[in-house]
Amino acid sequence: MGRASSATYNINYHLVWCPKYRKPILEKIEIKQFLEDQIHTIAATKGFEVLALEIQPDHLHLFISAPPFDSPTEIVKVFKGVTALRLFKKFPELRTKYWKGKLWSPSYYVGTAGHVSAETIRKYIEEHKL
């Protein structure tokens, strides 16, 4: 359960998105580790709590708790935008695969979860690790 200056909340989102064309670029251990670090850094900066994270070769699952004043669309935009910029900077070879500068597919999945189903989602993500 989180706290903001004017609210106590329990808002959890299960987010899933993938690289453009579903290319398996996230299988390289260096990219995967860097992406994981960046997601945790972004979450800490924005006041989100990462409840679970699983990075697959061609998509990722992120289960987070976020304050009520951040919409799911804004949250996804931040994660996708910042990670794309940082991944392109750290791994310039990605630009050859994504020459228009768009790393992530424009679509994503978002599901909400309360306290009871949060554990179910966490287990699902853990069970789908490679």
C-alpha atoms as a PDB file:
ATOM      1  CA  MET A   1       0.000   0.000   0.000  1.00  0.00           C
ATOM      2  CA  GLY A   2       1.350   3.398  -0.966  1.00  0.00           C
ATOM      3  CA  ARG A   3       0.964   6.862   0.443  1.00  0.00           C
ATOM      4  CA  ALA A   4       0.867  10.235  -1.237  1.00  0.00           C
ATOM      5  CA  SER A   5       0.422  13.611   0.443  1.00  0.00           C
ATOM      6  CA  SER A   6      -3.362  13.380   0.173  1.00  0.00           C
ATOM      7  CA  ALA A   7      -4.084   9.683  -0.401  1.00  0.00           C
ATOM      8  CA  THR A   8      -3.410   6.153   0.680  1.00  0.00           C
ATOM      9  CA  TYR A   9      -3.624   3.838  -2.311  1.00  0.00           C
ATOM     10  CA  ASN A  10      -3.277   0.296  -3.577  1.00  0.00           C
ATOM     11  CA  ILE A  11      -3.136   0.672  -7.351  1.00  0.00           C
ATOM     12  CA  ASN A  12      -1.232  -2.030  -9.203  1.00  0.00           C
ATOM     13  CA  TYR A  13      -0.724  -2.346 -12.942  1.00  0.00           C
ATOM     14  CA  HIS A  14       0.402  -5.325 -14.975  1.00  0.00           C
ATOM     15  CA  LEU A  15       2.075  -3.851 -18.063  1.00  0.00           C
ATOM     16  CA  VAL A  16       3.326  -5.764 -21.085  1.00  0.00           C
ATOM     17  CA  TRP A  17       5.030  -4.336 -24.158  1.00  0.00           C
ATOM     18  CA  CYS A  18       7.393  -5.569 -26.843  1.00  0.00           C
ATOM     19  CA  PRO A  19      10.055  -4.305 -29.232  1.00  0.00           C
ATOM     20  CA  LYS A  20       8.832  -3.172 -32.609  1.00  0.00           C
ATOM     21  CA  TYR A  21       8.273  -6.093 -35.005  1.00  0.00           C
ATOM     22  CA  ARG A  22       8.600  -8.337 -31.927  1.00  0.00           C
ATOM     23  CA  LYS A  23      12.321  -8.753 -32.605  1.00  0.00           C
ATOM     24  CA  PRO A  24      14.031 -10.813 -29.865  1.00  0.00           C
ATOM     25  CA  ILE A  25      16.561  -8.093 -28.978  1.00  0.00           C
ATOM     26  CA  LEU A  26      16.079  -8.485 -25.237  1.00  0.00           C
ATOM     27  CA  GLU A  27      17.751 -11.915 -25.202  1.00  0.00           C
ATOM     28  CA  LYS A  28      21.265 -10.436 -24.972  1.00  0.00           C
ATOM     29  CA  ILE A  29      22.207 -10.515 -21.298  1.00  0.00           C
ATOM     30  CA  GLU A  30      23.841  -7.054 -21.407  1.00  0.00           C
ATOM     31  CA  ILE A  31      20.704  -5.467 -22.868  1.00  0.00           C
ATOM     32  CA  LYS A  32      18.433  -7.354 -20.497  1.00  0.00           C
ATOM     33  CA  GLN A  33      20.432  -6.326 -17.399  1.00  0.00           C
ATOM     34  CA  PHE A  34      20.705  -2.715 -18.516  1.00  0.00           C
ATOM     35  CA  LEU A  35      16.967  -2.554 -19.229  1.00  0.00           C
ATOM     36  CA  GLU A  36      16.168  -4.055 -15.835  1.00  0.00           C
ATOM     37  CA  ASP A  37      18.406  -1.499 -14.087  1.00  0.00           C
ATOM     38  CA  GLN A  38      16.800   1.342 -16.027  1.00  0.00           C
ATOM     39  CA  ILE A  39      13.269   0.224 -15.189  1.00  0.00           C
ATOM     40  CA  HIS A  40      14.132   0.139 -11.480  1.00  0.00           C
ATOM     41  CA  THR A  41      15.819   3.558 -11.726  1.00  0.00           C
ATOM     42  CA  ILE A  42      12.835   5.108 -13.514  1.00  0.00           C
ATOM     43  CA  ALA A  43      10.419   3.571 -11.017  1.00  0.00           C
ATOM     44  CA  ALA A  44      12.366   4.921  -8.043  1.00  0.00           C
ATOM     45  CA  THR A  45      12.565   8.376  -9.618  1.00  0.00           C
ATOM     46  CA  LYS A  46       8.824   8.506 -10.355  1.00  0.00           C
ATOM     47  CA  GLY A  47       7.686   7.020  -7.040  1.00  0.00           C
ATOM     48  CA  PHE A  48       6.557   3.668  -8.471  1.00  0.00           C
ATOM     49  CA  GLU A  49       7.221   0.353  -6.759  1.00  0.00           C
ATOM     50  CA  VAL A  50       8.328  -2.536  -8.962  1.00  0.00           C
ATOM     51  CA  LEU A  51       6.472  -5.580  -7.650  1.00  0.00           C
ATOM     52  CA  ALA A  52       7.716  -7.968 -10.352  1.00  0.00           C
ATOM     53  CA  LEU A  53       9.628  -7.714 -13.620  1.00  0.00           C
ATOM     54  CA  GLU A  54      10.298 -10.368 -16.222  1.00  0.00           C
ATOM     55  CA  ILE A  55      12.145  -9.611 -19.443  1.00  0.00           C
ATOM     56  CA  GLN A  56      11.649 -12.137 -22.232  1.00  0.00           C
ATOM     57  CA  PRO A  57      13.558 -12.040 -25.552  1.00  0.00           C
ATOM     58  CA  ASP A  58      10.658 -10.338 -27.371  1.00  0.00           C
ATOM     59  CA  HIS A  59       8.544  -8.707 -24.642  1.00  0.00           C
ATOM     60  CA  LEU A  60       8.515  -7.761 -20.984  1.00  0.00           C
ATOM     61  CA  HIS A  61       6.089  -7.970 -18.079  1.00  0.00           C
ATOM     62  CA  LEU A  62       6.190  -5.220 -15.482  1.00  0.00           C
ATOM     63  CA  PHE A  63       4.001  -5.330 -12.403  1.00  0.00           C
ATOM     64  CA  ILE A  64       4.078  -2.042 -10.506  1.00  0.00           C
ATOM     65  CA  SER A  65       2.298  -0.058  -7.867  1.00  0.00           C
ATOM     66  CA  ALA A  66       1.762   3.585  -8.793  1.00  0.00           C
ATOM     67  CA  PRO A  67       0.188   6.643  -7.187  1.00  0.00           C
ATOM     68  CA  PRO A  68      -3.365   7.589  -8.224  1.00  0.00           C
ATOM     69  CA  PHE A  69      -2.305  10.760 -10.025  1.00  0.00           C
ATOM     70  CA  ASP A  70      -0.348   8.859 -12.719  1.00  0.00           C
ATOM     71  CA  SER A  71      -2.447   7.331 -15.494  1.00  0.00           C
ATOM     72  CA  PRO A  72      -1.424   3.989 -17.032  1.00  0.00           C
ATOM     73  CA  THR A  73      -0.815   5.730 -20.359  1.00  0.00           C
ATOM     74  CA  GLU A  74       1.582   8.223 -18.767  1.00  0.00           C
ATOM     75  CA  ILE A  75       3.383   5.440 -16.906  1.00  0.00           C
ATOM     76  CA  VAL A  76       3.920   3.390 -20.064  1.00  0.00           C
ATOM     77  CA  LYS A  77       5.050   6.469 -22.020  1.00  0.00           C
ATOM     78  CA  VAL A  78       7.684   7.213 -19.389  1.00  0.00           C
ATOM     79  CA  PHE A  79       9.028   3.653 -19.269  1.00  0.00           C
ATOM     80  CA  LYS A  80       9.028   3.138 -23.034  1.00  0.00           C
ATOM     81  CA  GLY A  81      10.368   6.594 -23.881  1.00  0.00           C
ATOM     82  CA  VAL A  82      13.174   6.746 -21.357  1.00  0.00           C
ATOM     83  CA  THR A  83      14.302   3.141 -21.833  1.00  0.00           C
ATOM     84  CA  ALA A  84      14.359   3.531 -25.626  1.00  0.00           C
ATOM     85  CA  LEU A  85      16.566   6.624 -25.421  1.00  0.00           C
ATOM     86  CA  ARG A  86      18.924   5.027 -22.925  1.00  0.00           C
ATOM     87  CA  LEU A  87      19.112   1.695 -24.775  1.00  0.00           C
ATOM     88  CA  PHE A  88      19.926   3.446 -28.073  1.00  0.00           C
ATOM     89  CA  LYS A  89      22.627   5.472 -26.330  1.00  0.00           C
ATOM     90  CA  LYS A  90      24.201   2.483 -24.546  1.00  0.00           C
ATOM     91  CA  PHE A  91      23.791   0.037 -27.468  1.00  0.00           C
ATOM     92  CA  PRO A  92      24.127   2.031 -30.728  1.00  0.00           C
ATOM     93  CA  GLU A  93      23.910  -1.205 -32.747  1.00  0.00           C
ATOM     94  CA  LEU A  94      20.174  -1.240 -31.975  1.00  0.00           C
ATOM     95  CA  ARG A  95      19.793   1.709 -34.341  1.00  0.00           C
ATOM     96  CA  THR A  96      20.620  -0.595 -37.257  1.00  0.00           C
ATOM     97  CA  LYS A  97      17.583  -2.740 -36.404  1.00  0.00           C
ATOM     98  CA  TYR A  98      15.367   0.258 -35.659  1.00  0.00           C
ATOM     99  CA  TRP A  99      16.557   2.895 -38.071  1.00  0.00           C
ATOM    100  CA  LYS A 100      13.568   5.211 -37.527  1.00  0.00           C
ATOM    101  CA  GLY A 101      14.390   5.506 -33.834  1.00  0.00           C
ATOM    102  CA  LYS A 102      11.336   3.599 -32.611  1.00  0.00           C
ATOM    103  CA  LEU A 103      12.434   0.749 -30.354  1.00  0.00           C
ATOM    104  CA  TRP A 104       9.103  -0.235 -28.833  1.00  0.00           C
ATOM    105  CA  SER A 105       5.883  -1.237 -30.518  1.00  0.00           C
ATOM    106  CA  PRO A 106       3.289   1.524 -30.064  1.00  0.00           C
ATOM    107  CA  SER A 107       0.843  -0.889 -28.434  1.00  0.00           C
ATOM    108  CA  TYR A 108       0.897  -2.326 -24.922  1.00  0.00           C
ATOM    109  CA  TYR A 109      -1.237  -4.294 -22.490  1.00  0.00           C
ATOM    110  CA  VAL A 110      -2.349  -2.917 -19.148  1.00  0.00           C
ATOM    111  CA  GLY A 111      -4.387  -4.697 -16.506  1.00  0.00           C
ATOM    112  CA  THR A 112      -5.256  -3.481 -13.059  1.00  0.00           C
ATOM    113  CA  ALA A 113      -4.970  -5.596  -9.961  1.00  0.00           C
ATOM    114  CA  GLY A 114      -5.968  -5.121  -6.374  1.00  0.00           C
ATOM    115  CA  HIS A 115      -4.396  -6.707  -3.340  1.00  0.00           C
ATOM    116  CA  VAL A 116      -5.853 -10.213  -3.815  1.00  0.00           C
ATOM    117  CA  SER A 117      -4.905 -10.663  -7.457  1.00  0.00           C
ATOM    118  CA  ALA A 118      -1.500  -9.020  -7.071  1.00  0.00           C
ATOM    119  CA  GLU A 119       0.010 -12.289  -5.844  1.00  0.00           C
ATOM    120  CA  THR A 120      -1.533 -14.160  -8.770  1.00  0.00           C
ATOM    121  CA  ILE A 121       0.135 -11.815 -11.264  1.00  0.00           C
ATOM    122  CA  ARG A 122       3.460 -11.958  -9.409  1.00  0.00           C
ATOM    123  CA  LYS A 123       3.351 -15.787  -9.572  1.00  0.00           C
ATOM    124  CA  TYR A 124       2.444 -15.706 -13.279  1.00  0.00           C
ATOM    125  CA  ILE A 125       5.433 -13.495 -14.053  1.00  0.00           C
ATOM    126  CA  GLU A 126       7.785 -15.601 -11.926  1.00  0.00           C
ATOM    127  CA  GLU A 127       6.602 -18.836 -13.584  1.00  0.00           C
ATOM    128  CA  HIS A 128       7.310 -17.449 -17.049  1.00  0.00           C
ATOM    129  CA  LYS A 129      10.976 -16.741 -16.494  1.00  0.00           C
ATOM    130  CA  LEU A 130      13.321 -18.314 -18.974  1.00  0.00           C
END
